[in-house]
C-alpha atoms as a PDB file:
ATOM      1  CA  MET A   1      -8.060  -3.164 -22.191  1.00  0.00           C
ATOM      2  CA  THR A   2      -4.938  -5.278 -21.788  1.00  0.00           C
ATOM      3  CA  PRO A   3      -3.205  -4.712 -18.429  1.00  0.00           C
ATOM      4  CA  GLU A   4       0.214  -3.080 -18.569  1.00  0.00           C
ATOM      5  CA  ARG A   5       2.951  -5.671 -18.124  1.00  0.00           C
ATOM      6  CA  VAL A   6       4.845  -5.549 -14.810  1.00  0.00           C
ATOM      7  CA  ASP A   7       7.980  -7.515 -13.966  1.00  0.00           C
ATOM      8  CA  ARG A   8       6.315  -9.448 -11.100  1.00  0.00           C
ATOM      9  CA  ILE A   9       3.039  -9.374  -9.158  1.00  0.00           C
ATOM     10  CA  GLN A  10       2.452 -11.197  -5.888  1.00  0.00           C
ATOM     11  CA  ASP A  11      -0.676 -11.329  -3.724  1.00  0.00           C
ATOM     12  CA  MET A  12      -0.065 -11.817  -0.018  1.00  0.00           C
ATOM     13  CA  LYS A  13      -2.101 -12.002   3.166  1.00  0.00           C
ATOM     14  CA  ILE A  14      -0.608 -10.194   6.111  1.00  0.00           C
ATOM     15  CA  PRO A  15      -1.807  -9.895   9.724  1.00  0.00           C
ATOM     16  CA  GLY A  16      -4.069  -6.958  10.502  1.00  0.00           C
ATOM     17  CA  PRO A  17      -5.862  -5.600  13.536  1.00  0.00           C
ATOM     18  CA  ALA A  18      -9.064  -7.552  12.746  1.00  0.00           C
ATOM     19  CA  GLY A  19      -7.777 -10.469  10.685  1.00  0.00           C
ATOM     20  CA  GLU A  20      -5.819 -10.781   7.481  1.00  0.00           C
ATOM     21  CA  ILE A  21      -5.244  -7.897   5.077  1.00  0.00           C
ATOM     22  CA  LEU A  22      -4.692  -8.665   1.416  1.00  0.00           C
ATOM     23  CA  ILE A  23      -1.870  -6.776  -0.279  1.00  0.00           C
ATOM     24  CA  ARG A  24      -0.565  -6.926  -3.832  1.00  0.00           C
ATOM     25  CA  VAL A  25       3.114  -6.310  -4.520  1.00  0.00           C
ATOM     26  CA  TYR A  26       4.049  -4.969  -7.958  1.00  0.00           C
ATOM     27  CA  SER A  27       7.787  -5.278  -8.568  1.00  0.00           C
ATOM     28  CA  SER A  28       9.406  -3.294 -11.329  1.00  0.00           C
ATOM     29  CA  LYS A  29      12.864  -3.706 -12.751  1.00  0.00           C
ATOM     30  CA  ALA A  30      14.196  -1.184 -10.248  1.00  0.00           C
ATOM     31  CA  GLN A  31      17.304  -1.990  -8.285  1.00  0.00           C
ATOM     32  CA  SER A  32      16.914  -4.322  -5.327  1.00  0.00           C
ATOM     33  CA  PRO A  33      16.238  -3.347  -2.690  1.00  0.00           C
ATOM     34  CA  SER A  34      13.957  -0.847  -4.349  1.00  0.00           C
ATOM     35  CA  PRO A  35      12.053   2.138  -3.039  1.00  0.00           C
ATOM     36  CA  ALA A  36       8.400   1.363  -2.308  1.00  0.00           C
ATOM     37  CA  LEU A  37       5.078   3.121  -2.550  1.00  0.00           C
ATOM     38  CA  VAL A  38       2.393   1.796  -0.219  1.00  0.00           C
ATOM     39  CA  TYR A  39      -0.751   2.588  -2.203  1.00  0.00           C
ATOM     40  CA  PHE A  40      -4.261   3.070  -0.791  1.00  0.00           C
ATOM     41  CA  HIS A  41      -7.054   2.971  -3.389  1.00  0.00           C
ATOM     42  CA  GLY A  42      -9.865   5.471  -3.591  1.00  0.00           C
ATOM     43  CA  GLY A  43     -13.568   4.760  -3.604  1.00  0.00           C
ATOM     44  CA  GLY A  44     -15.197   6.966  -1.010  1.00  0.00           C
ATOM     45  CA  TRP A  45     -14.497   4.497   1.795  1.00  0.00           C
ATOM     46  CA  VAL A  46     -17.151   2.103   0.385  1.00  0.00           C
ATOM     47  CA  LEU A  47     -15.842   1.042  -3.043  1.00  0.00           C
ATOM     48  CA  GLY A  48     -12.597  -0.121  -4.573  1.00  0.00           C
ATOM     49  CA  ASP A  49     -10.191  -2.969  -4.060  1.00  0.00           C
ATOM     50  CA  LEU A  50      -7.002  -4.415  -5.487  1.00  0.00           C
ATOM     51  CA  GLU A  51      -8.670  -5.127  -8.833  1.00  0.00           C
ATOM     52  CA  SER A  52     -10.281  -1.713  -9.324  1.00  0.00           C
ATOM     53  CA  HIS A  53      -6.895   0.021  -9.040  1.00  0.00           C
ATOM     54  CA  ASP A  54      -4.708  -2.663 -10.619  1.00  0.00           C
ATOM     55  CA  HIS A  55      -4.108  -0.571 -13.763  1.00  0.00           C
ATOM     56  CA  VAL A  56      -3.013   2.419 -11.670  1.00  0.00           C
ATOM     57  CA  CYS A  57      -0.543   0.365  -9.632  1.00  0.00           C
ATOM     58  CA  ARG A  58       0.912  -1.287 -12.739  1.00  0.00           C
ATOM     59  CA  ALA A  59       1.482   2.113 -14.348  1.00  0.00           C
ATOM     60  CA  LEU A  60       3.081   3.494 -11.194  1.00  0.00           C
ATOM     61  CA  ALA A  61       5.403   0.498 -10.803  1.00  0.00           C
ATOM     62  CA  ASN A  62       6.627   0.925 -14.375  1.00  0.00           C
ATOM     63  CA  SER A  63       6.822   4.716 -14.417  1.00  0.00           C
ATOM     64  CA  VAL A  64       8.575   5.527 -11.171  1.00  0.00           C
ATOM     65  CA  PRO A  65      10.149   2.728 -11.044  1.00  0.00           C
ATOM     66  CA  CYS A  66       9.607   1.341  -7.592  1.00  0.00           C
ATOM     67  CA  ALA A  67       7.767  -1.472  -5.887  1.00  0.00           C
ATOM     68  CA  VAL A  68       4.104  -0.572  -5.473  1.00  0.00           C
ATOM     69  CA  ILE A  69       2.271  -2.312  -2.656  1.00  0.00           C
ATOM     70  CA  SER A  70      -1.490  -1.955  -2.854  1.00  0.00           C
ATOM     71  CA  VAL A  71      -3.468  -2.427   0.373  1.00  0.00           C
ATOM     72  CA  ASP A  72      -6.992  -3.881   0.407  1.00  0.00           C
ATOM     73  CA  TYR A  73      -8.254  -2.161   3.566  1.00  0.00           C
ATOM     74  CA  ARG A  74     -11.693  -2.791   5.100  1.00  0.00           C
ATOM     75  CA  LEU A  75     -14.583  -0.790   3.640  1.00  0.00           C
ATOM     76  CA  ALA A  76     -17.683   0.863   5.079  1.00  0.00           C
ATOM     77  CA  PRO A  77     -20.508   0.438   5.843  1.00  0.00           C
ATOM     78  CA  GLU A  78     -19.667  -3.097   6.987  1.00  0.00           C
ATOM     79  CA  HIS A  79     -16.568  -1.837   8.759  1.00  0.00           C
ATOM     80  CA  LYS A  80     -17.032   1.457  10.564  1.00  0.00           C
ATOM     81  CA  PHE A  81     -14.441   4.209  10.899  1.00  0.00           C
ATOM     82  CA  PRO A  82     -11.563   3.910  11.794  1.00  0.00           C
ATOM     83  CA  ALA A  83     -11.217   0.348  10.392  1.00  0.00           C
ATOM     84  CA  ALA A  84      -9.627   1.558   7.127  1.00  0.00           C
ATOM     85  CA  VAL A  85      -7.145   3.709   9.049  1.00  0.00           C
ATOM     86  CA  HIS A  86      -6.152   0.833  11.330  1.00  0.00           C
ATOM     87  CA  ASP A  87      -5.653  -1.534   8.378  1.00  0.00           C
ATOM     88  CA  SER A  88      -3.644   1.018   6.402  1.00  0.00           C
ATOM     89  CA  TYR A  89      -1.304   1.835   9.275  1.00  0.00           C
ATOM     90  CA  ALA A  90      -0.892  -1.862  10.179  1.00  0.00           C
ATOM     91  CA  ALA A  91      -0.053  -2.713   6.565  1.00  0.00           C
ATOM     92  CA  THR A  92       2.499   0.101   6.341  1.00  0.00           C
ATOM     93  CA  GLN A  93       4.132  -1.061   9.569  1.00  0.00           C
ATOM     94  CA  TRP A  94       4.200  -4.697   8.376  1.00  0.00           C
ATOM     95  CA  ILE A  95       5.689  -3.720   5.021  1.00  0.00           C
ATOM     96  CA  THR A  96       8.425  -1.758   6.782  1.00  0.00           C
ATOM     97  CA  ASP A  97       9.126  -4.621   9.199  1.00  0.00           C
ATOM     98  CA  HIS A  98       9.305  -7.137   6.310  1.00  0.00           C
ATOM     99  CA  ALA A  99      11.007  -4.901   3.764  1.00  0.00           C
ATOM    100  CA  GLY A 100      13.890  -7.312   3.219  1.00  0.00           C
ATOM    101  CA  GLU A 101      11.536 -10.166   2.339  1.00  0.00           C
ATOM    102  CA  LEU A 102       9.756  -7.908  -0.149  1.00  0.00           C
ATOM    103  CA  GLY A 103      12.974  -6.655  -1.798  1.00  0.00           C
ATOM    104  CA  VAL A 104      12.217  -3.164  -0.503  1.00  0.00           C
ATOM    105  CA  ASP A 105      14.583  -0.616   1.027  1.00  0.00           C
ATOM    106  CA  ARG A 106      13.001   0.172   4.401  1.00  0.00           C
ATOM    107  CA  SER A 107      14.641   3.614   4.366  1.00  0.00           C
ATOM    108  CA  ARG A 108      12.779   4.563   1.155  1.00  0.00           C
ATOM    109  CA  ILE A 109       9.118   3.794   1.863  1.00  0.00           C
ATOM    110  CA  SER A 110       6.457   6.272   0.794  1.00  0.00           C
ATOM    111  CA  VAL A 111       2.670   6.281   1.028  1.00  0.00           C
ATOM    112  CA  GLY A 112       0.092   7.552  -1.426  1.00  0.00           C
ATOM    113  CA  GLY A 113      -3.294   7.016  -2.943  1.00  0.00           C
ATOM    114  CA  ASP A 114      -6.185   8.592  -4.748  1.00  0.00           C
ATOM    115  CA  SER A 115      -9.288  10.177  -3.230  1.00  0.00           C
ATOM    116  CA  ALA A 116     -10.044   8.376   0.052  1.00  0.00           C
ATOM    117  CA  GLY A 117      -6.673   6.651  -0.372  1.00  0.00           C
ATOM    118  CA  GLY A 118      -4.925  10.025  -0.396  1.00  0.00           C
ATOM    119  CA  ASN A 119      -6.618  10.797   2.893  1.00  0.00           C
ATOM    120  CA  LEU A 120      -5.435   7.462   4.297  1.00  0.00           C
ATOM    121  CA  ALA A 121      -1.873   8.243   3.196  1.00  0.00           C
ATOM    122  CA  ALA A 122      -1.982  11.568   5.043  1.00  0.00           C
ATOM    123  CA  VAL A 123      -3.432  10.001   8.193  1.00  0.00           C
ATOM    124  CA  VAL A 124      -0.957   7.086   8.144  1.00  0.00           C
ATOM    125  CA  SER A 125       1.868   9.630   7.875  1.00  0.00           C
ATOM    126  CA  GLN A 126       0.574  11.538  10.896  1.00  0.00           C
ATOM    127  CA  ILE A 127       0.149   8.363  12.963  1.00  0.00           C
ATOM    128  CA  ALA A 128       3.660   7.227  12.023  1.00  0.00           C
ATOM    129  CA  ARG A 129       5.036  10.621  13.042  1.00  0.00           C
ATOM    130  CA  ASP A 130       3.214  10.544  16.368  1.00  0.00           C
ATOM    131  CA  ARG A 131       4.178   6.937  17.166  1.00  0.00           C
ATOM    132  CA  GLY A 132       7.791   7.282  16.054  1.00  0.00           C
ATOM    133  CA  GLY A 133       7.466   5.024  13.026  1.00  0.00           C
ATOM    134  CA  PRO A 134       7.546   3.605  10.587  1.00  0.00           C
ATOM    135  CA  ASN A 135       9.721   6.168   8.860  1.00  0.00           C
ATOM    136  CA  ILE A 136       7.878   7.449   5.801  1.00  0.00           C
ATOM    137  CA  VAL A 137      10.038   9.421   3.400  1.00  0.00           C
ATOM    138  CA  PHE A 138       7.383  10.725   1.001  1.00  0.00           C
END
């Protein structure tokens, strides 16, 4: 299957609570700065990565359109709970803090994911609410 074409894709390493976190930024032809979806992949906490959900992120970036930023959080069993939560929140905070560099509108950042990633999105939203940021709009 040929991957869906996206305007631009960039892999980046960002600081995390236990070392670097790999993220992949999918930029669509949306206005700049664009809204952003911070995406957490599914996989039952033990499977999945940037490659396994590449097709999903490409489709989202083209359909919405917005920047989609996929987060490669640490997986179990090598990394016990709450490692994935800490990575996901740290990545969301970093993305918000560096929105300008990413061509993202920091006032229009959302979080989402599938399966375990959906759970991470909900937990990141609650942590952000309790800590006073970052501001998540959807």
